N, C-alpha and C. Protein backbone atom coordinates (compact mmCIF):
# COMPACT_ATOMS: atom_id res chain seq x y z
N UNK A 1 -17.45 47.07 28.24
CA UNK A 1 -16.36 46.54 27.44
C UNK A 1 -15.67 47.72 26.75
N UNK A 2 -14.36 47.76 26.79
CA UNK A 2 -13.62 48.84 26.17
C UNK A 2 -13.56 48.65 24.67
N UNK A 3 -13.24 49.73 23.98
CA UNK A 3 -13.13 49.65 22.52
C UNK A 3 -12.04 48.68 22.12
N UNK A 4 -10.92 48.68 22.84
CA UNK A 4 -9.82 47.76 22.53
C UNK A 4 -10.26 46.31 22.68
N UNK A 5 -11.01 46.03 23.76
CA UNK A 5 -11.51 44.67 23.97
C UNK A 5 -12.46 44.28 22.86
N UNK A 6 -13.34 45.22 22.46
CA UNK A 6 -14.28 44.94 21.37
C UNK A 6 -13.53 44.68 20.08
N UNK A 7 -12.50 45.48 19.80
CA UNK A 7 -11.72 45.29 18.58
C UNK A 7 -11.00 43.95 18.61
N UNK A 8 -10.46 43.57 19.76
CA UNK A 8 -9.78 42.28 19.88
C UNK A 8 -10.75 41.15 19.63
N UNK A 9 -11.95 41.23 20.23
CA UNK A 9 -12.94 40.17 20.01
C UNK A 9 -13.36 40.13 18.55
N UNK A 10 -13.54 41.29 17.92
CA UNK A 10 -13.91 41.31 16.51
C UNK A 10 -12.81 40.72 15.65
N UNK A 11 -11.56 41.04 15.95
CA UNK A 11 -10.43 40.51 15.20
C UNK A 11 -10.39 38.99 15.34
N UNK A 12 -10.53 38.49 16.56
CA UNK A 12 -10.49 37.05 16.78
C UNK A 12 -11.64 36.37 16.06
N UNK A 13 -12.83 37.00 16.06
CA UNK A 13 -13.97 36.39 15.41
C UNK A 13 -13.79 36.33 13.90
N UNK A 14 -13.18 37.32 13.31
CA UNK A 14 -13.04 37.32 11.85
C UNK A 14 -11.91 36.42 11.39
N UNK A 15 -10.98 36.08 12.26
CA UNK A 15 -9.86 35.25 11.86
C UNK A 15 -10.17 33.77 11.94
N UNK A 16 -11.13 33.36 12.74
CA UNK A 16 -11.44 31.95 12.89
C UNK A 16 -12.86 31.66 12.45
N UNK A 17 -13.38 30.54 12.91
CA UNK A 17 -14.76 30.18 12.58
C UNK A 17 -15.71 31.12 13.31
N UNK A 18 -16.77 31.50 12.65
CA UNK A 18 -17.81 32.29 13.29
C UNK A 18 -18.61 31.37 14.21
N UNK A 19 -19.40 31.95 15.08
CA UNK A 19 -20.24 31.15 15.95
C UNK A 19 -21.22 30.32 15.12
N UNK A 20 -21.73 30.88 14.06
CA UNK A 20 -22.66 30.15 13.18
C UNK A 20 -21.97 28.94 12.56
N UNK A 21 -20.71 29.10 12.14
CA UNK A 21 -19.97 27.98 11.56
C UNK A 21 -19.72 26.90 12.62
N UNK A 22 -19.37 27.31 13.83
CA UNK A 22 -19.16 26.34 14.91
C UNK A 22 -20.46 25.57 15.20
N UNK A 23 -21.57 26.31 15.24
CA UNK A 23 -22.87 25.68 15.49
C UNK A 23 -23.21 24.69 14.38
N UNK A 24 -22.93 25.05 13.13
CA UNK A 24 -23.21 24.15 12.01
C UNK A 24 -22.38 22.87 12.11
N UNK A 25 -21.12 22.99 12.52
CA UNK A 25 -20.29 21.79 12.67
C UNK A 25 -20.82 20.90 13.80
N UNK A 26 -21.29 21.51 14.88
CA UNK A 26 -21.87 20.73 15.97
C UNK A 26 -23.14 20.02 15.50
N UNK A 27 -23.93 20.72 14.69
CA UNK A 27 -25.14 20.10 14.14
C UNK A 27 -24.78 18.91 13.25
N UNK A 28 -23.73 19.07 12.44
CA UNK A 28 -23.31 17.97 11.57
C UNK A 28 -22.86 16.78 12.42
N UNK A 29 -22.15 17.05 13.49
CA UNK A 29 -21.71 15.97 14.37
C UNK A 29 -22.93 15.26 14.96
N UNK A 30 -23.96 16.01 15.33
CA UNK A 30 -25.18 15.40 15.87
C UNK A 30 -25.87 14.57 14.80
N UNK A 31 -25.88 15.03 13.56
CA UNK A 31 -26.47 14.27 12.46
C UNK A 31 -25.76 12.94 12.27
N UNK A 32 -24.44 12.98 12.31
CA UNK A 32 -23.67 11.75 12.16
C UNK A 32 -23.96 10.77 13.29
N UNK A 33 -24.08 11.29 14.52
CA UNK A 33 -24.40 10.42 15.65
C UNK A 33 -25.75 9.74 15.44
N UNK A 34 -26.68 10.50 14.87
CA UNK A 34 -28.03 9.97 14.66
C UNK A 34 -28.06 8.87 13.60
N UNK A 35 -27.02 8.79 12.77
CA UNK A 35 -26.96 7.76 11.72
C UNK A 35 -26.66 6.38 12.28
N UNK A 36 -26.32 6.29 13.52
CA UNK A 36 -26.04 4.99 14.12
C UNK A 36 -24.60 4.85 14.51
N UNK A 37 -24.18 3.60 14.72
CA UNK A 37 -22.85 3.31 15.26
C UNK A 37 -21.73 3.93 14.44
N UNK A 38 -21.73 3.69 13.12
CA UNK A 38 -20.66 4.23 12.28
C UNK A 38 -20.72 5.76 12.25
N UNK A 39 -21.94 6.28 12.16
CA UNK A 39 -22.11 7.74 12.16
C UNK A 39 -21.67 8.35 13.48
N UNK A 40 -21.96 7.65 14.58
CA UNK A 40 -21.56 8.15 15.90
C UNK A 40 -20.04 8.22 16.01
N UNK A 41 -19.33 7.22 15.48
CA UNK A 41 -17.87 7.22 15.50
C UNK A 41 -17.33 8.40 14.73
N UNK A 42 -17.88 8.63 13.52
CA UNK A 42 -17.43 9.77 12.71
C UNK A 42 -17.72 11.08 13.43
N UNK A 43 -18.89 11.16 14.06
CA UNK A 43 -19.25 12.38 14.79
C UNK A 43 -18.29 12.62 15.95
N UNK A 44 -17.97 11.54 16.68
CA UNK A 44 -17.04 11.67 17.79
C UNK A 44 -15.65 12.07 17.30
N UNK A 45 -15.21 11.49 16.19
CA UNK A 45 -13.90 11.85 15.62
C UNK A 45 -13.88 13.32 15.21
N UNK A 46 -14.95 13.75 14.54
CA UNK A 46 -15.04 15.15 14.13
C UNK A 46 -15.03 16.06 15.35
N UNK A 47 -15.82 15.73 16.36
CA UNK A 47 -15.88 16.56 17.56
C UNK A 47 -14.53 16.60 18.27
N UNK A 48 -13.85 15.47 18.36
CA UNK A 48 -12.51 15.44 18.98
C UNK A 48 -11.56 16.36 18.22
N UNK A 49 -11.64 16.31 16.88
CA UNK A 49 -10.77 17.16 16.09
C UNK A 49 -11.09 18.64 16.33
N UNK A 50 -12.36 18.99 16.31
CA UNK A 50 -12.75 20.38 16.54
C UNK A 50 -12.36 20.85 17.93
N UNK A 51 -12.46 19.97 18.92
CA UNK A 51 -12.03 20.31 20.28
C UNK A 51 -10.53 20.58 20.32
N UNK A 52 -9.74 19.74 19.64
CA UNK A 52 -8.28 19.94 19.60
C UNK A 52 -7.95 21.28 18.94
N UNK A 53 -8.64 21.59 17.86
CA UNK A 53 -8.41 22.87 17.17
C UNK A 53 -8.76 24.03 18.10
N UNK A 54 -9.88 23.93 18.80
CA UNK A 54 -10.31 25.00 19.69
C UNK A 54 -9.33 25.24 20.84
N UNK A 55 -8.60 24.20 21.25
CA UNK A 55 -7.63 24.31 22.34
C UNK A 55 -6.33 24.99 21.93
N UNK A 56 -6.10 25.11 20.64
CA UNK A 56 -4.81 25.64 20.15
C UNK A 56 -4.68 27.13 20.45
N UNK A 57 -3.43 27.60 20.60
CA UNK A 57 -3.21 29.04 20.70
C UNK A 57 -3.73 29.71 19.43
N UNK A 58 -4.11 30.98 19.54
CA UNK A 58 -4.76 31.69 18.43
C UNK A 58 -4.05 31.54 17.09
N UNK A 59 -2.73 31.68 17.06
CA UNK A 59 -2.00 31.63 15.79
C UNK A 59 -2.20 30.28 15.10
N UNK A 60 -2.12 29.21 15.86
CA UNK A 60 -2.31 27.86 15.32
C UNK A 60 -3.78 27.60 15.00
N UNK A 61 -4.66 28.03 15.90
CA UNK A 61 -6.09 27.78 15.74
C UNK A 61 -6.63 28.39 14.45
N UNK A 62 -6.23 29.62 14.18
CA UNK A 62 -6.71 30.29 12.97
C UNK A 62 -6.28 29.52 11.72
N UNK A 63 -5.04 29.08 11.68
CA UNK A 63 -4.55 28.29 10.54
C UNK A 63 -5.29 26.96 10.45
N UNK A 64 -5.44 26.27 11.58
CA UNK A 64 -6.10 24.96 11.59
C UNK A 64 -7.56 25.07 11.15
N UNK A 65 -8.25 26.11 11.59
CA UNK A 65 -9.64 26.29 11.20
C UNK A 65 -9.76 26.55 9.70
N UNK A 66 -8.87 27.34 9.17
CA UNK A 66 -8.92 27.63 7.73
C UNK A 66 -8.59 26.38 6.92
N UNK A 67 -7.60 25.63 7.36
CA UNK A 67 -7.25 24.38 6.66
C UNK A 67 -8.40 23.39 6.77
N UNK A 68 -9.03 23.31 7.93
CA UNK A 68 -10.18 22.42 8.10
C UNK A 68 -11.28 22.79 7.09
N UNK A 69 -11.56 24.07 6.96
CA UNK A 69 -12.59 24.52 6.02
C UNK A 69 -12.22 24.13 4.58
N UNK A 70 -10.96 24.30 4.23
CA UNK A 70 -10.50 23.97 2.87
C UNK A 70 -10.62 22.47 2.63
N UNK A 71 -10.06 21.66 3.53
CA UNK A 71 -10.04 20.21 3.32
C UNK A 71 -11.45 19.64 3.27
N UNK A 72 -12.32 20.06 4.19
CA UNK A 72 -13.67 19.49 4.21
C UNK A 72 -14.48 19.94 3.00
N UNK A 73 -14.18 21.10 2.43
CA UNK A 73 -14.89 21.56 1.23
C UNK A 73 -14.37 20.86 -0.02
N UNK A 74 -13.05 20.71 -0.12
CA UNK A 74 -12.43 20.17 -1.33
C UNK A 74 -12.44 18.64 -1.35
N UNK A 75 -12.30 18.01 -0.18
CA UNK A 75 -12.22 16.55 -0.11
C UNK A 75 -13.15 16.01 0.98
N UNK A 76 -14.46 16.16 0.80
CA UNK A 76 -15.39 15.71 1.86
C UNK A 76 -15.35 14.20 2.08
N UNK A 77 -14.75 13.45 1.15
CA UNK A 77 -14.65 12.00 1.33
C UNK A 77 -13.61 11.61 2.38
N UNK A 78 -12.73 12.53 2.76
CA UNK A 78 -11.74 12.25 3.81
C UNK A 78 -12.40 12.50 5.17
N UNK A 79 -12.16 11.60 6.10
CA UNK A 79 -12.77 11.69 7.42
C UNK A 79 -11.89 12.49 8.38
N UNK A 80 -12.45 13.56 8.98
CA UNK A 80 -11.69 14.31 9.97
C UNK A 80 -11.58 13.52 11.27
N UNK A 81 -10.39 13.52 11.86
CA UNK A 81 -10.16 12.91 13.16
C UNK A 81 -8.86 13.46 13.71
N UNK A 82 -8.45 13.01 14.87
CA UNK A 82 -7.15 13.40 15.39
C UNK A 82 -6.17 12.27 15.15
N UNK A 83 -4.92 12.67 14.97
CA UNK A 83 -3.83 11.72 14.70
C UNK A 83 -2.64 12.23 15.48
N UNK A 84 -2.21 11.47 16.48
CA UNK A 84 -1.16 11.91 17.41
C UNK A 84 -1.52 13.26 18.04
N UNK A 85 -2.81 13.45 18.27
CA UNK A 85 -3.29 14.68 18.89
C UNK A 85 -3.36 15.87 17.95
N UNK A 86 -3.20 15.64 16.67
CA UNK A 86 -3.24 16.72 15.68
C UNK A 86 -4.42 16.49 14.74
N UNK A 87 -4.97 17.57 14.17
CA UNK A 87 -6.04 17.42 13.18
C UNK A 87 -5.52 16.66 11.96
N UNK A 88 -6.31 15.68 11.52
CA UNK A 88 -5.93 14.90 10.35
C UNK A 88 -7.19 14.57 9.54
N UNK A 89 -6.96 14.17 8.31
CA UNK A 89 -8.04 13.81 7.39
C UNK A 89 -7.65 12.46 6.80
N UNK A 90 -8.54 11.48 6.98
CA UNK A 90 -8.18 10.09 6.74
C UNK A 90 -9.00 9.42 5.65
N UNK A 91 -8.38 8.41 5.06
CA UNK A 91 -9.05 7.51 4.13
C UNK A 91 -8.84 6.10 4.68
N UNK A 92 -9.93 5.37 4.84
CA UNK A 92 -9.86 4.01 5.37
C UNK A 92 -9.09 3.94 6.69
N UNK A 93 -9.30 4.95 7.54
CA UNK A 93 -8.68 4.97 8.85
C UNK A 93 -7.23 5.43 8.91
N UNK A 94 -6.63 5.71 7.75
CA UNK A 94 -5.23 6.13 7.72
C UNK A 94 -5.12 7.61 7.36
N UNK A 95 -4.32 8.34 8.13
CA UNK A 95 -4.15 9.77 7.90
C UNK A 95 -3.50 10.02 6.54
N UNK A 96 -4.14 10.86 5.75
CA UNK A 96 -3.62 11.26 4.44
C UNK A 96 -3.04 12.67 4.55
N UNK A 97 -3.78 13.54 5.23
CA UNK A 97 -3.39 14.94 5.40
C UNK A 97 -3.42 15.24 6.89
N UNK A 98 -2.47 16.03 7.37
CA UNK A 98 -2.49 16.42 8.77
C UNK A 98 -1.97 17.84 8.94
N UNK A 99 -2.39 18.46 10.05
CA UNK A 99 -1.91 19.79 10.41
C UNK A 99 -1.14 19.67 11.70
N UNK A 100 0.12 20.08 11.66
CA UNK A 100 0.98 20.04 12.85
C UNK A 100 1.14 21.47 13.36
N UNK A 101 0.48 21.81 14.47
CA UNK A 101 0.59 23.18 14.99
C UNK A 101 1.99 23.47 15.53
N UNK A 102 2.42 24.70 15.33
CA UNK A 102 3.75 25.11 15.80
C UNK A 102 3.89 24.87 17.30
N UNK A 103 2.84 25.11 18.04
CA UNK A 103 2.89 25.00 19.50
C UNK A 103 3.08 23.56 19.97
N UNK A 104 2.73 22.59 19.16
CA UNK A 104 2.82 21.17 19.58
C UNK A 104 4.26 20.78 19.92
N UNK A 105 5.20 21.24 19.11
CA UNK A 105 6.60 20.87 19.32
C UNK A 105 7.51 22.09 19.53
N UNK A 106 6.89 23.25 19.81
CA UNK A 106 7.66 24.45 20.07
C UNK A 106 8.39 24.98 18.84
N UNK A 107 7.82 24.76 17.67
CA UNK A 107 8.43 25.23 16.42
C UNK A 107 8.02 26.67 16.11
N UNK A 108 8.74 27.28 15.19
CA UNK A 108 8.41 28.65 14.82
C UNK A 108 7.36 28.73 13.73
N UNK A 109 6.99 27.59 13.15
CA UNK A 109 5.94 27.57 12.13
C UNK A 109 5.16 26.26 12.23
N UNK A 110 3.94 26.30 11.73
CA UNK A 110 3.09 25.11 11.65
C UNK A 110 3.40 24.38 10.35
N UNK A 111 2.91 23.16 10.24
CA UNK A 111 3.11 22.38 9.01
C UNK A 111 1.80 21.79 8.53
N UNK A 112 1.65 21.76 7.21
CA UNK A 112 0.60 20.99 6.56
C UNK A 112 1.33 19.81 5.95
N UNK A 113 0.95 18.60 6.37
CA UNK A 113 1.68 17.41 5.93
C UNK A 113 0.81 16.42 5.20
N UNK A 114 1.49 15.58 4.43
CA UNK A 114 0.83 14.55 3.63
C UNK A 114 1.55 13.23 3.84
N UNK A 115 0.79 12.17 4.11
CA UNK A 115 1.37 10.84 4.31
C UNK A 115 1.32 10.03 3.02
N UNK A 116 1.77 8.78 3.11
CA UNK A 116 1.86 7.89 1.95
C UNK A 116 0.58 7.79 1.15
N UNK A 117 -0.57 7.86 1.80
CA UNK A 117 -1.84 7.72 1.11
C UNK A 117 -2.19 8.88 0.21
N UNK A 118 -1.45 9.98 0.32
CA UNK A 118 -1.68 11.14 -0.54
C UNK A 118 -1.10 10.86 -1.92
N UNK A 119 -1.80 11.25 -2.92
CA UNK A 119 -1.37 11.00 -4.30
C UNK A 119 -0.60 12.21 -4.84
N UNK A 120 0.49 12.56 -4.17
CA UNK A 120 1.27 13.73 -4.56
C UNK A 120 2.53 13.38 -5.34
N UNK A 121 2.72 12.10 -5.64
CA UNK A 121 3.94 11.66 -6.33
C UNK A 121 4.21 12.53 -7.55
N UNK A 122 5.46 12.95 -7.66
CA UNK A 122 5.89 13.78 -8.78
C UNK A 122 7.33 13.40 -9.11
N UNK A 123 7.51 12.36 -9.91
CA UNK A 123 8.85 11.88 -10.22
C UNK A 123 9.41 11.09 -9.06
N UNK A 124 10.69 11.29 -8.80
CA UNK A 124 11.37 10.55 -7.74
C UNK A 124 11.45 11.31 -6.42
N UNK A 125 11.02 12.59 -6.42
CA UNK A 125 11.15 13.40 -5.21
C UNK A 125 10.06 14.47 -5.18
N UNK A 126 9.39 14.64 -4.01
CA UNK A 126 8.37 15.66 -3.85
C UNK A 126 8.23 15.99 -2.37
N UNK A 127 7.74 17.19 -2.05
CA UNK A 127 7.58 17.57 -0.65
C UNK A 127 6.41 16.83 0.00
N UNK A 128 6.54 16.54 1.27
CA UNK A 128 5.46 15.90 2.02
C UNK A 128 4.96 16.79 3.16
N UNK A 129 5.65 17.89 3.45
CA UNK A 129 5.20 18.86 4.45
C UNK A 129 5.52 20.26 3.96
N UNK A 130 4.62 21.18 4.33
CA UNK A 130 4.78 22.57 3.96
C UNK A 130 4.72 23.42 5.22
N UNK A 131 5.69 24.30 5.42
CA UNK A 131 5.69 25.21 6.55
C UNK A 131 4.66 26.31 6.29
N UNK A 132 3.93 26.68 7.34
CA UNK A 132 2.90 27.71 7.21
C UNK A 132 3.01 28.67 8.40
N UNK A 133 3.10 29.95 8.08
CA UNK A 133 3.07 30.96 9.14
C UNK A 133 1.78 31.77 9.07
N UNK A 134 1.31 32.03 7.87
CA UNK A 134 0.02 32.69 7.63
C UNK A 134 -0.56 32.08 6.36
N UNK A 135 -1.82 32.35 6.11
CA UNK A 135 -2.44 31.85 4.89
C UNK A 135 -3.05 33.00 4.10
N UNK A 136 -2.44 33.30 2.98
CA UNK A 136 -3.01 34.28 2.07
C UNK A 136 -4.04 33.56 1.19
N UNK A 137 -4.78 34.31 0.40
CA UNK A 137 -5.73 33.68 -0.52
C UNK A 137 -4.99 32.81 -1.54
N UNK A 138 -3.82 33.27 -1.98
CA UNK A 138 -3.02 32.48 -2.93
C UNK A 138 -2.56 31.17 -2.28
N UNK A 139 -2.16 31.23 -1.00
CA UNK A 139 -1.77 30.02 -0.28
C UNK A 139 -2.95 29.06 -0.16
N UNK A 140 -4.13 29.61 0.13
CA UNK A 140 -5.33 28.77 0.25
C UNK A 140 -5.62 28.06 -1.07
N UNK A 141 -5.47 28.75 -2.18
CA UNK A 141 -5.69 28.13 -3.51
C UNK A 141 -4.68 27.00 -3.73
N UNK A 142 -3.44 27.23 -3.33
CA UNK A 142 -2.41 26.20 -3.48
C UNK A 142 -2.74 24.98 -2.63
N UNK A 143 -3.21 25.22 -1.41
CA UNK A 143 -3.60 24.13 -0.53
C UNK A 143 -4.79 23.37 -1.13
N UNK A 144 -5.74 24.09 -1.69
CA UNK A 144 -6.89 23.41 -2.36
C UNK A 144 -6.39 22.46 -3.43
N UNK A 145 -5.44 22.93 -4.23
CA UNK A 145 -4.88 22.10 -5.31
C UNK A 145 -4.18 20.86 -4.74
N UNK A 146 -3.38 21.05 -3.70
CA UNK A 146 -2.68 19.93 -3.06
C UNK A 146 -3.67 18.93 -2.46
N UNK A 147 -4.70 19.43 -1.80
CA UNK A 147 -5.69 18.55 -1.19
C UNK A 147 -6.44 17.75 -2.24
N UNK A 148 -6.83 18.41 -3.32
CA UNK A 148 -7.51 17.69 -4.42
C UNK A 148 -6.63 16.55 -4.94
N UNK A 149 -5.37 16.86 -5.15
CA UNK A 149 -4.44 15.84 -5.67
C UNK A 149 -4.23 14.73 -4.63
N UNK A 150 -4.06 15.11 -3.38
CA UNK A 150 -3.83 14.14 -2.31
C UNK A 150 -5.02 13.21 -2.13
N UNK A 151 -6.22 13.75 -2.26
CA UNK A 151 -7.44 12.94 -2.09
C UNK A 151 -7.66 12.02 -3.26
N UNK A 152 -7.05 12.37 -4.39
CA UNK A 152 -7.08 11.54 -5.60
C UNK A 152 -8.45 11.23 -6.06
């Protein structure tokens, strides 16, 4: 393996989920399946979502993985699943938060979106989608705040 190839693999590994994190998510999916019918559905939904994220081009995948980590840490009560083929986080089966990858519709940026079930109301007008090209630590903190509020 050349140094450039090694550097590329190291860069890709540090930008997304580590193998240990992927393994932990698979273990969690297996735990949910073991809980029975309802657990199996949640496990299948989680696995479908992780598979969709893994299929994304690198730029989208890195953002989706980071958002997944934020949402599942800040709002574990929301259920991960896919919604129109995109990663989403649901309450009572309805998508509250979703990630729209740029590649899905050929856009120049991805979106983090919030549906009606999100508790983001702020007067008579508020944003329901945010364009994302990269995620800085400050952006991640802002997303944490939005997710907390949306999960209510």
